[in-house]
Amino acid sequence: ISPFGNPEFIINTTGRLSGLIATSISP
């Protein structure tokens, strides 16, 4: 994310959600 008009100022954050891969596809 960056404040409009100040493109040199950039913030970066991250997030993670853990799980398992299923054996079939849900509808």
PDB file of all heavy atoms in Angstrom:
ATOM      1  N   ILE A   1       0.844  -1.195   0.000  1.00  0.00           N
ATOM      2  CA  ILE A   1       0.000   0.000   0.000  1.00  0.00           C
ATOM      3  C   ILE A   1       0.880   1.245   0.000  1.00  0.00           C
ATOM      4  O   ILE A   1       1.988   1.237   0.555  1.00  0.00           O
ATOM      5  CB  ILE A   1      -0.957  -0.011   1.220  1.00  0.00           C
ATOM      6  CG1 ILE A   1      -2.051   1.050   1.060  1.00  0.00           C
ATOM      7  CG2 ILE A   1      -0.207   0.130   2.531  1.00  0.00           C
ATOM      8  CD1 ILE A   1      -3.213   0.874   2.025  1.00  0.00           C
ATOM      9  N   SER A   2       0.391   2.284  -0.665  1.00  0.00           N
ATOM     10  CA  SER A   2       1.145   3.522  -0.790  1.00  0.00           C
ATOM     11  C   SER A   2       0.186   4.709  -0.726  1.00  0.00           C
ATOM     12  O   SER A   2      -0.899   4.657  -1.314  1.00  0.00           O
ATOM     13  CB  SER A   2       1.898   3.536  -2.132  1.00  0.00           C
ATOM     14  OG  SER A   2       2.606   4.738  -2.313  1.00  0.00           O
ATOM     15  N   PRO A   3       0.535   5.781  -0.009  1.00  0.00           N
ATOM     16  CA  PRO A   3      -0.326   6.970   0.008  1.00  0.00           C
ATOM     17  C   PRO A   3      -0.389   7.600  -1.380  1.00  0.00           C
ATOM     18  O   PRO A   3       0.637   7.755  -2.040  1.00  0.00           O
ATOM     19  CB  PRO A   3       0.361   7.912   1.006  1.00  0.00           C
ATOM     20  CG  PRO A   3       1.332   7.066   1.758  1.00  0.00           C
ATOM     21  CD  PRO A   3       1.737   5.964   0.833  1.00  0.00           C
ATOM     22  N   PHE A   4      -1.589   7.944  -1.809  1.00  0.00           N
ATOM     23  CA  PHE A   4      -1.743   8.547  -3.134  1.00  0.00           C
ATOM     24  C   PHE A   4      -0.950   9.852  -3.203  1.00  0.00           C
ATOM     25  O   PHE A   4      -1.035  10.712  -2.327  1.00  0.00           O
ATOM     26  CB  PHE A   4      -3.219   8.829  -3.416  1.00  0.00           C
ATOM     27  CG  PHE A   4      -3.470   9.410  -4.782  1.00  0.00           C
ATOM     28  CD1 PHE A   4      -3.260   8.644  -5.911  1.00  0.00           C
ATOM     29  CD2 PHE A   4      -3.896  10.717  -4.932  1.00  0.00           C
ATOM     30  CE1 PHE A   4      -3.486   9.157  -7.172  1.00  0.00           C
ATOM     31  CE2 PHE A   4      -4.137  11.244  -6.194  1.00  0.00           C
ATOM     32  CZ  PHE A   4      -3.929  10.462  -7.313  1.00  0.00           C
ATOM     33  N   GLY A   5      -0.163   9.986  -4.265  1.00  0.00           N
ATOM     34  CA  GLY A   5       0.672  11.161  -4.451  1.00  0.00           C
ATOM     35  C   GLY A   5       2.059  11.024  -3.862  1.00  0.00           C
ATOM     36  O   GLY A   5       2.897  11.910  -4.024  1.00  0.00           O
ATOM     37  N   ASN A   6       2.319   9.902  -3.188  1.00  0.00           N
ATOM     38  CA  ASN A   6       3.630   9.666  -2.590  1.00  0.00           C
ATOM     39  C   ASN A   6       4.085   8.241  -2.920  1.00  0.00           C
ATOM     40  O   ASN A   6       4.238   7.400  -2.036  1.00  0.00           O
ATOM     41  CB  ASN A   6       3.554   9.867  -1.070  1.00  0.00           C
ATOM     42  CG  ASN A   6       4.918   9.828  -0.405  1.00  0.00           C
ATOM     43  OD1 ASN A   6       5.954   9.819  -1.082  1.00  0.00           O
ATOM     44  ND2 ASN A   6       4.939   9.778   0.914  1.00  0.00           N
ATOM     45  N   PRO A   7       4.306   7.963  -4.202  1.00  0.00           N
ATOM     46  CA  PRO A   7       4.582   6.586  -4.633  1.00  0.00           C
ATOM     47  C   PRO A   7       5.894   6.017  -4.104  1.00  0.00           C
ATOM     48  O   PRO A   7       6.096   4.809  -4.127  1.00  0.00           O
ATOM     49  CB  PRO A   7       4.601   6.683  -6.157  1.00  0.00           C
ATOM     50  CG  PRO A   7       4.877   8.119  -6.451  1.00  0.00           C
ATOM     51  CD  PRO A   7       4.248   8.895  -5.338  1.00  0.00           C
ATOM     52  N   GLU A   8       6.799   6.887  -3.617  1.00  0.00           N
ATOM     53  CA  GLU A   8       8.067   6.380  -3.097  1.00  0.00           C
ATOM     54  C   GLU A   8       7.889   5.701  -1.743  1.00  0.00           C
ATOM     55  O   GLU A   8       8.732   4.906  -1.322  1.00  0.00           O
ATOM     56  CB  GLU A   8       9.098   7.514  -2.968  1.00  0.00           C
ATOM     57  CG  GLU A   8       9.544   8.126  -4.288  1.00  0.00           C
ATOM     58  CD  GLU A   8       8.543   9.141  -4.827  1.00  0.00           C
ATOM     59  OE1 GLU A   8       7.655   9.552  -4.051  1.00  0.00           O
ATOM     60  OE2 GLU A   8       8.643   9.481  -6.025  1.00  0.00           O
ATOM     61  N   PHE A   9       6.784   6.019  -1.060  1.00  0.00           N
ATOM     62  CA  PHE A   9       6.535   5.442   0.270  1.00  0.00           C
ATOM     63  C   PHE A   9       5.664   4.202   0.109  1.00  0.00           C
ATOM     64  O   PHE A   9       4.490   4.294  -0.249  1.00  0.00           O
ATOM     65  CB  PHE A   9       5.841   6.472   1.171  1.00  0.00           C
ATOM     66  CG  PHE A   9       5.723   6.031   2.606  1.00  0.00           C
ATOM     67  CD1 PHE A   9       6.755   6.230   3.488  1.00  0.00           C
ATOM     68  CD2 PHE A   9       4.574   5.404   3.052  1.00  0.00           C
ATOM     69  CE1 PHE A   9       6.646   5.824   4.807  1.00  0.00           C
ATOM     70  CE2 PHE A   9       4.453   4.990   4.369  1.00  0.00           C
ATOM     71  CZ  PHE A   9       5.498   5.206   5.257  1.00  0.00           C
ATOM     72  N   ILE A  10       6.245   3.044   0.358  1.00  0.00           N
ATOM     73  CA  ILE A  10       5.542   1.779   0.159  1.00  0.00           C
ATOM     74  C   ILE A  10       5.619   0.938   1.428  1.00  0.00           C
ATOM     75  O   ILE A  10       6.682   0.795   2.026  1.00  0.00           O
ATOM     76  CB  ILE A  10       6.135   0.992  -1.022  1.00  0.00           C
ATOM     77  CG1 ILE A  10       5.825   1.707  -2.343  1.00  0.00           C
ATOM     78  CG2 ILE A  10       5.606  -0.433  -1.072  1.00  0.00           C
ATOM     79  CD1 ILE A  10       6.425   1.035  -3.566  1.00  0.00           C
ATOM     80  N   ILE A  11       4.466   0.412   1.833  1.00  0.00           N
ATOM     81  CA  ILE A  11       4.371  -0.481   2.987  1.00  0.00           C
ATOM     82  C   ILE A  11       4.015  -1.871   2.472  1.00  0.00           C
ATOM     83  O   ILE A  11       3.158  -2.019   1.611  1.00  0.00           O
ATOM     84  CB  ILE A  11       3.286   0.004   3.966  1.00  0.00           C
ATOM     85  CG1 ILE A  11       3.627   1.388   4.521  1.00  0.00           C
ATOM     86  CG2 ILE A  11       3.101  -1.000   5.107  1.00  0.00           C
ATOM     87  CD1 ILE A  11       2.454   2.079   5.180  1.00  0.00           C
ATOM     88  N   ASN A  12       4.669  -2.886   3.012  1.00  0.00           N
ATOM     89  CA  ASN A  12       4.368  -4.269   2.630  1.00  0.00           C
ATOM     90  C   ASN A  12       4.107  -5.099   3.877  1.00  0.00           C
ATOM     91  O   ASN A  12       4.909  -5.088   4.812  1.00  0.00           O
ATOM     92  CB  ASN A  12       5.537  -4.860   1.840  1.00  0.00           C
ATOM     93  CG  ASN A  12       5.342  -6.329   1.492  1.00  0.00           C
ATOM     94  OD1 ASN A  12       6.236  -7.141   1.662  1.00  0.00           O
ATOM     95  ND2 ASN A  12       4.165  -6.678   1.010  1.00  0.00           N
ATOM     96  N   THR A  13       2.970  -5.792   3.920  1.00  0.00           N
ATOM     97  CA  THR A  13       2.689  -6.731   5.000  1.00  0.00           C
ATOM     98  C   THR A  13       2.281  -8.071   4.393  1.00  0.00           C
ATOM     99  O   THR A  13       1.946  -8.153   3.212  1.00  0.00           O
ATOM    100  CB  THR A  13       1.563  -6.228   5.924  1.00  0.00           C
ATOM    101  OG1 THR A  13       0.351  -6.090   5.186  1.00  0.00           O
ATOM    102  CG2 THR A  13       1.928  -4.898   6.557  1.00  0.00           C
ATOM    103  N   THR A  14       2.319  -9.107   5.216  1.00  0.00           N
ATOM    104  CA  THR A  14       2.015 -10.445   4.727  1.00  0.00           C
ATOM    105  C   THR A  14       1.039 -11.153   5.660  1.00  0.00           C
ATOM    106  O   THR A  14       0.880 -10.778   6.823  1.00  0.00           O
ATOM    107  CB  THR A  14       3.296 -11.299   4.605  1.00  0.00           C
ATOM    108  OG1 THR A  14       3.910 -11.415   5.895  1.00  0.00           O
ATOM    109  CG2 THR A  14       4.274 -10.678   3.629  1.00  0.00           C
ATOM    110  N   GLY A  15       0.398 -12.192   5.130  1.00  0.00           N
ATOM    111  CA  GLY A  15      -0.483 -13.034   5.927  1.00  0.00           C
ATOM    112  C   GLY A  15      -0.432 -14.459   5.414  1.00  0.00           C
ATOM    113  O   GLY A  15      -0.116 -14.692   4.238  1.00  0.00           O
ATOM    114  N   ARG A  16      -0.749 -15.413   6.297  1.00  0.00           N
ATOM    115  CA  ARG A  16      -0.704 -16.827   5.906  1.00  0.00           C
ATOM    116  C   ARG A  16      -1.881 -17.575   6.528  1.00  0.00           C
ATOM    117  O   ARG A  16      -2.233 -17.356   7.686  1.00  0.00           O
ATOM    118  CB  ARG A  16       0.602 -17.469   6.343  1.00  0.00           C
ATOM    119  CG  ARG A  16       0.663 -18.985   6.122  1.00  0.00           C
ATOM    120  CD  ARG A  16       2.052 -19.542   6.365  1.00  0.00           C
ATOM    121  NE  ARG A  16       2.984 -19.069   5.330  1.00  0.00           N
ATOM    122  CZ  ARG A  16       4.254 -19.463   5.255  1.00  0.00           C
ATOM    123  NH1 ARG A  16       4.737 -20.328   6.134  1.00  0.00           N
ATOM    124  NH2 ARG A  16       5.032 -18.996   4.283  1.00  0.00           N
ATOM    125  N   LEU A  17      -2.473 -18.462   5.735  1.00  0.00           N
ATOM    126  CA  LEU A  17      -3.508 -19.383   6.198  1.00  0.00           C
ATOM    127  C   LEU A  17      -3.073 -20.793   5.835  1.00  0.00           C
ATOM    128  O   LEU A  17      -2.892 -21.110   4.665  1.00  0.00           O
ATOM    129  CB  LEU A  17      -4.859 -19.068   5.545  1.00  0.00           C
ATOM    130  CG  LEU A  17      -5.977 -20.084   5.826  1.00  0.00           C
ATOM    131  CD1 LEU A  17      -6.334 -20.106   7.313  1.00  0.00           C
ATOM    132  CD2 LEU A  17      -7.213 -19.775   4.983  1.00  0.00           C
ATOM    133  N   SER A  18      -2.920 -21.657   6.846  1.00  0.00           N
ATOM    134  CA  SER A  18      -2.467 -23.026   6.622  1.00  0.00           C
ATOM    135  C   SER A  18      -3.640 -23.992   6.516  1.00  0.00           C
ATOM    136  O   SER A  18      -4.698 -23.772   7.105  1.00  0.00           O
ATOM    137  CB  SER A  18      -1.542 -23.459   7.759  1.00  0.00           C
ATOM    138  OG  SER A  18      -0.371 -22.659   7.790  1.00  0.00           O
ATOM    139  N   GLY A  19      -3.429 -25.067   5.762  1.00  0.00           N
ATOM    140  CA  GLY A  19      -4.461 -26.082   5.606  1.00  0.00           C
ATOM    141  C   GLY A  19      -3.907 -27.323   4.933  1.00  0.00           C
ATOM    142  O   GLY A  19      -2.692 -27.556   4.940  1.00  0.00           O
ATOM    143  N   LEU A  20      -4.800 -28.100   4.336  1.00  0.00           N
ATOM    144  CA  LEU A  20      -4.437 -29.339   3.643  1.00  0.00           C
ATOM    145  C   LEU A  20      -5.110 -29.376   2.282  1.00  0.00           C
ATOM    146  O   LEU A  20      -6.226 -28.853   2.115  1.00  0.00           O
ATOM    147  CB  LEU A  20      -4.890 -30.559   4.457  1.00  0.00           C
ATOM    148  CG  LEU A  20      -4.325 -30.741   5.864  1.00  0.00           C
ATOM    149  CD1 LEU A  20      -5.078 -31.849   6.589  1.00  0.00           C
ATOM    150  CD2 LEU A  20      -2.839 -31.067   5.792  1.00  0.00           C
ATOM    151  N   ILE A  21      -4.465 -29.996   1.318  1.00  0.00           N
ATOM    152  CA  ILE A  21      -5.081 -30.192   0.012  1.00  0.00           C
ATOM    153  C   ILE A  21      -6.037 -31.381   0.086  1.00  0.00           C
ATOM    154  O   ILE A  21      -5.666 -32.470   0.535  1.00  0.00           O
ATOM    155  CB  ILE A  21      -4.015 -30.442  -1.076  1.00  0.00           C
ATOM    156  CG1 ILE A  21      -3.083 -29.236  -1.182  1.00  0.00           C
ATOM    157  CG2 ILE A  21      -4.679 -30.709  -2.429  1.00  0.00           C
ATOM    158  CD1 ILE A  21      -3.759 -27.938  -1.549  1.00  0.00           C
ATOM    159  N   ALA A  22      -7.269 -31.163  -0.341  1.00  0.00           N
ATOM    160  CA  ALA A  22      -8.290 -32.209  -0.315  1.00  0.00           C
ATOM    161  C   ALA A  22      -8.013 -33.247  -1.401  1.00  0.00           C
ATOM    162  O   ALA A  22      -7.119 -33.074  -2.244  1.00  0.00           O
ATOM    163  CB  ALA A  22      -9.674 -31.587  -0.519  1.00  0.00           C
ATOM    164  N   THR A  23      -8.800 -34.308  -1.384  1.00  0.00           N
ATOM    165  CA  THR A  23      -8.682 -35.341  -2.431  1.00  0.00           C
ATOM    166  C   THR A  23      -9.771 -35.199  -3.483  1.00  0.00           C
ATOM    167  O   THR A  23      -9.787 -35.940  -4.461  1.00  0.00           O
ATOM    168  CB  THR A  23      -8.757 -36.747  -1.804  1.00  0.00           C
ATOM    169  OG1 THR A  23      -9.973 -36.867  -1.055  1.00  0.00           O
ATOM    170  CG2 THR A  23      -7.566 -36.981  -0.880  1.00  0.00           C
ATOM    171  N   SER A  24     -10.692 -34.254  -3.269  1.00  0.00           N
ATOM    172  CA  SER A  24     -11.741 -33.996  -4.258  1.00  0.00           C
ATOM    173  C   SER A  24     -12.058 -32.511  -4.263  1.00  0.00           C
ATOM    174  O   SER A  24     -11.695 -31.778  -3.332  1.00  0.00           O
ATOM    175  CB  SER A  24     -13.008 -34.811  -3.951  1.00  0.00           C
ATOM    176  OG  SER A  24     -13.521 -34.459  -2.675  1.00  0.00           O
ATOM    177  N   ILE A  25     -12.732 -32.065  -5.317  1.00  0.00           N
ATOM    178  CA  ILE A  25     -13.035 -30.643  -5.501  1.00  0.00           C
ATOM    179  C   ILE A  25     -14.426 -30.342  -4.968  1.00  0.00           C
ATOM    180  O   ILE A  25     -15.403 -30.995  -5.337  1.00  0.00           O
ATOM    181  CB  ILE A  25     -12.940 -30.256  -6.986  1.00  0.00           C
ATOM    182  CG1 ILE A  25     -11.517 -30.508  -7.502  1.00  0.00           C
ATOM    183  CG2 ILE A  25     -13.316 -28.786  -7.199  1.00  0.00           C
ATOM    184  CD1 ILE A  25     -11.373 -30.319  -9.001  1.00  0.00           C
ATOM    185  N   SER A  26     -14.512 -29.358  -4.099  1.00  0.00           N
ATOM    186  CA  SER A  26     -15.798 -28.937  -3.545  1.00  0.00           C
ATOM    187  C   SER A  26     -16.572 -28.108  -4.581  1.00  0.00           C
ATOM    188  O   SER A  26     -15.967 -27.378  -5.372  1.00  0.00           O
ATOM    189  CB  SER A  26     -15.575 -28.097  -2.287  1.00  0.00           C
ATOM    190  OG  SER A  26     -16.771 -27.450  -1.882  1.00  0.00           O
ATOM    191  N   PRO A  27     -17.890 -28.178  -4.568  1.00  0.00           N
ATOM    192  CA  PRO A  27     -18.672 -27.313  -5.460  1.00  0.00           C
ATOM    193  C   PRO A  27     -18.790 -25.889  -4.937  1.00  0.00           C
ATOM    194  O   PRO A  27     -19.337 -25.017  -5.624  1.00  0.00           O
ATOM    195  CB  PRO A  27     -20.046 -27.989  -5.480  1.00  0.00           C
ATOM    196  CG  PRO A  27     -20.143 -28.671  -4.160  1.00  0.00           C
ATOM    197  CD  PRO A  27     -18.737 -29.133  -3.834  1.00  0.00           C
TER     198      PRO A  27
END
